[in-house]
Amino acid sequence: MKIVCAVCSVEQEHADRCVECQRALPGGVGLSPGARPEGVDEFAKGVDLVWKRKYGHLYTNVRWRVRSHSTSGMEVGYMGGGCADFALNVLVALYPAGKGENQKIWQGRVSWRAWALHQDFKLKFLASANRDEGRIPWGKITEWIEAQRDGMTGN
């Protein structure tokens, strides 16, 4: 999975620091020590989605791989662009872009499925969530994804 550095726009493989400018990649990747709930891994299939605000910064177990709506990063608890990018990055972790079936966005590429579902995911799980901390169990996420699959025709 490619990650795009928000500072110098270099695409790179899974990393915590940019290979070009050596700055920490944004988004509170991996939850900071003290903010990480015990036993929580990076978000992927089978792992709960978690976030926590500490010292004014939002930390989550979702990597900030792509940007389409927000210049300042992922957020939660409102209807804006940071929340949309959080939802988009959650879905990119589950539905990465493949060859020929992706869409170019402001920074990065996303699968058509991640793009099609991210606004609905934002509304369902993130826009009205607690801004300071939260956890969405993997079971609720898969239940929602299955319901979306049932509602999509021809896919």
Protein backbone atom coordinates (compact mmCIF):
# COMPACT_ATOMS: atom_id res chain seq x y z
CA MET A 1 0.00 0.00 0.00
CA LYS A 2 1.37 3.41 -0.95
CA ILE A 3 1.42 6.34 1.48
CA VAL A 4 1.72 9.94 0.23
CA CYS A 5 3.78 12.38 2.29
CA ALA A 6 1.66 15.47 2.93
CA VAL A 7 4.77 17.68 2.98
CA CYS A 8 6.66 16.68 -0.16
CA SER A 9 3.99 14.52 -1.93
CA VAL A 10 6.33 11.55 -2.43
CA GLU A 11 4.54 8.20 -2.72
CA GLN A 12 6.18 5.44 -0.68
CA GLU A 13 5.55 2.06 0.85
CA HIS A 14 4.18 1.47 4.34
CA ALA A 15 6.35 3.68 6.62
CA ASP A 16 6.24 6.06 9.57
CA ARG A 17 8.75 8.55 8.10
CA CYS A 18 8.94 10.00 4.62
CA VAL A 19 11.80 8.53 2.60
CA GLU A 20 12.43 11.94 0.99
CA CYS A 21 12.09 14.59 3.73
CA GLN A 22 12.34 12.29 6.79
CA ARG A 23 9.36 13.98 8.47
CA ALA A 24 6.96 11.81 10.42
CA LEU A 25 4.03 10.93 8.21
CA PRO A 26 0.86 12.67 9.44
CA GLY A 27 -2.27 11.35 11.00
CA GLY A 28 -1.16 10.02 14.38
CA VAL A 29 -0.32 6.68 12.80
CA GLY A 30 -0.45 3.74 15.16
CA LEU A 31 -1.65 5.68 18.21
CA SER A 32 0.92 7.36 20.41
CA PRO A 33 2.16 5.65 23.57
CA GLY A 34 -0.35 6.36 26.30
CA ALA A 35 -3.17 6.82 23.77
CA ARG A 36 -3.09 3.24 22.44
CA PRO A 37 -5.63 0.90 24.00
CA GLU A 38 -3.96 -2.33 25.02
CA GLY A 39 -3.90 -4.93 22.30
CA VAL A 40 -4.92 -2.62 19.43
CA ASP A 41 -3.06 -3.13 16.18
CA GLU A 42 -3.05 -1.05 13.01
CA PHE A 43 -6.51 -1.02 11.44
CA ALA A 44 -7.10 -3.85 8.98
CA LYS A 45 -9.60 -6.66 8.48
CA GLY A 46 -10.48 -8.11 11.88
CA VAL A 47 -9.17 -5.13 13.92
CA ASP A 48 -11.44 -2.61 15.69
CA LEU A 49 -11.25 1.02 14.55
CA VAL A 50 -10.06 3.24 17.43
CA TRP A 51 -9.15 6.89 18.01
CA LYS A 52 -8.21 9.08 20.94
CA ARG A 53 -7.44 12.77 21.28
CA LYS A 54 -4.40 13.57 23.39
CA TYR A 55 -2.79 16.99 23.85
CA GLY A 56 -5.09 18.38 21.16
CA HIS A 57 -4.08 15.83 18.50
CA LEU A 58 -6.19 13.00 17.14
CA TYR A 59 -4.46 9.61 17.17
CA THR A 60 -5.89 6.59 15.42
CA ASN A 61 -4.87 3.14 14.27
CA VAL A 62 -5.61 4.14 10.66
CA ARG A 63 -2.72 5.25 8.46
CA TRP A 64 -3.20 8.51 6.57
CA ARG A 65 -2.51 7.08 3.12
CA VAL A 66 -4.60 9.37 0.89
CA ARG A 67 -6.13 12.84 0.96
CA SER A 68 -9.11 14.18 -0.89
CA HIS A 69 -11.01 16.54 1.38
CA SER A 70 -8.73 17.91 4.12
CA THR A 71 -5.42 19.76 4.20
CA SER A 72 -5.02 19.39 7.96
CA GLY A 73 -5.59 15.69 8.54
CA MET A 74 -8.13 13.20 9.73
CA GLU A 75 -10.80 14.19 12.25
CA VAL A 76 -13.93 12.82 13.87
CA GLY A 77 -17.16 14.22 15.30
CA TYR A 78 -18.30 16.64 12.60
CA MET A 79 -19.46 16.69 8.97
CA GLY A 80 -16.31 18.22 7.44
CA GLY A 81 -13.42 17.20 5.25
CA GLY A 82 -11.21 15.77 7.99
CA CYS A 83 -13.94 13.33 8.90
CA ALA A 84 -14.44 12.41 5.23
CA ASP A 85 -10.70 11.75 4.86
CA PHE A 86 -10.77 9.60 8.01
CA ALA A 87 -13.59 7.52 6.49
CA LEU A 88 -11.78 7.34 3.14
CA ASN A 89 -8.57 6.10 4.78
CA VAL A 90 -10.50 3.49 6.77
CA LEU A 91 -12.00 2.14 3.56
CA VAL A 92 -8.70 2.33 1.65
CA ALA A 93 -7.23 0.03 4.31
CA LEU A 94 -9.97 -2.48 3.49
CA TYR A 95 -10.25 -1.86 -0.26
CA PRO A 96 -6.86 -0.77 -1.62
CA ALA A 97 -6.60 0.51 -5.18
CA GLY A 98 -5.70 -2.15 -7.71
CA LYS A 99 -4.37 -1.87 -11.21
CA GLY A 100 -6.97 -0.38 -13.53
CA GLU A 101 -9.76 -0.15 -10.96
CA ASN A 102 -8.95 2.99 -9.09
CA GLN A 103 -9.66 6.67 -9.02
CA LYS A 104 -7.09 9.46 -8.79
CA ILE A 105 -7.81 11.91 -5.99
CA TRP A 106 -5.98 14.97 -4.68
CA GLN A 107 -3.17 12.91 -3.12
CA GLY A 108 -3.14 9.24 -3.97
CA ARG A 109 -5.41 6.73 -5.64
CA VAL A 110 -8.38 4.90 -4.16
CA SER A 111 -10.45 1.92 -5.24
CA TRP A 112 -13.88 2.66 -6.67
CA ARG A 113 -15.41 0.81 -3.70
CA ALA A 114 -13.59 2.89 -1.07
CA TRP A 115 -14.59 6.08 -2.91
CA ALA A 116 -18.23 5.00 -3.31
CA LEU A 117 -18.66 4.14 0.38
CA HIS A 118 -16.62 6.71 2.28
CA GLN A 119 -19.25 9.45 2.65
CA ASP A 120 -21.85 6.95 3.90
CA PHE A 121 -19.28 5.49 6.32
CA LYS A 122 -18.56 9.00 7.59
CA LEU A 123 -22.27 9.61 8.23
CA LYS A 124 -22.89 6.23 9.85
CA PHE A 125 -19.86 6.01 12.14
CA LEU A 126 -17.73 9.15 12.38
CA ALA A 127 -19.63 12.43 11.92
CA SER A 128 -21.62 12.16 15.16
CA ALA A 129 -19.04 10.16 17.13
CA ASN A 130 -17.28 11.33 20.28
CA ARG A 131 -14.44 13.65 19.23
CA ASP A 132 -12.18 12.67 22.12
CA GLU A 133 -12.16 8.90 21.86
CA GLY A 134 -14.00 6.04 20.30
CA ARG A 135 -13.96 2.46 19.21
CA ILE A 136 -15.97 0.81 16.48
CA PRO A 137 -15.92 -2.97 16.77
CA TRP A 138 -14.88 -4.88 13.66
CA GLY A 139 -18.20 -6.76 13.76
CA LYS A 140 -20.20 -3.53 13.34
CA ILE A 141 -18.02 -2.47 10.42
CA THR A 142 -18.42 -5.80 8.62
CA GLU A 143 -22.16 -5.81 9.26
CA TRP A 144 -22.41 -2.35 7.68
CA ILE A 145 -20.20 -3.36 4.72
CA GLU A 146 -22.36 -6.43 4.06
CA ALA A 147 -25.50 -4.26 4.12
CA GLN A 148 -23.91 -1.92 1.55
CA ARG A 149 -22.98 -4.90 -0.64
CA ASP A 150 -26.56 -6.11 -0.57
CA GLY A 151 -27.74 -2.63 -1.59
CA MET A 152 -25.34 -2.24 -4.54
CA THR A 153 -26.53 -3.65 -7.82
CA GLY A 154 -24.19 -5.23 -10.32
CA ASN A 155 -21.21 -5.47 -7.91
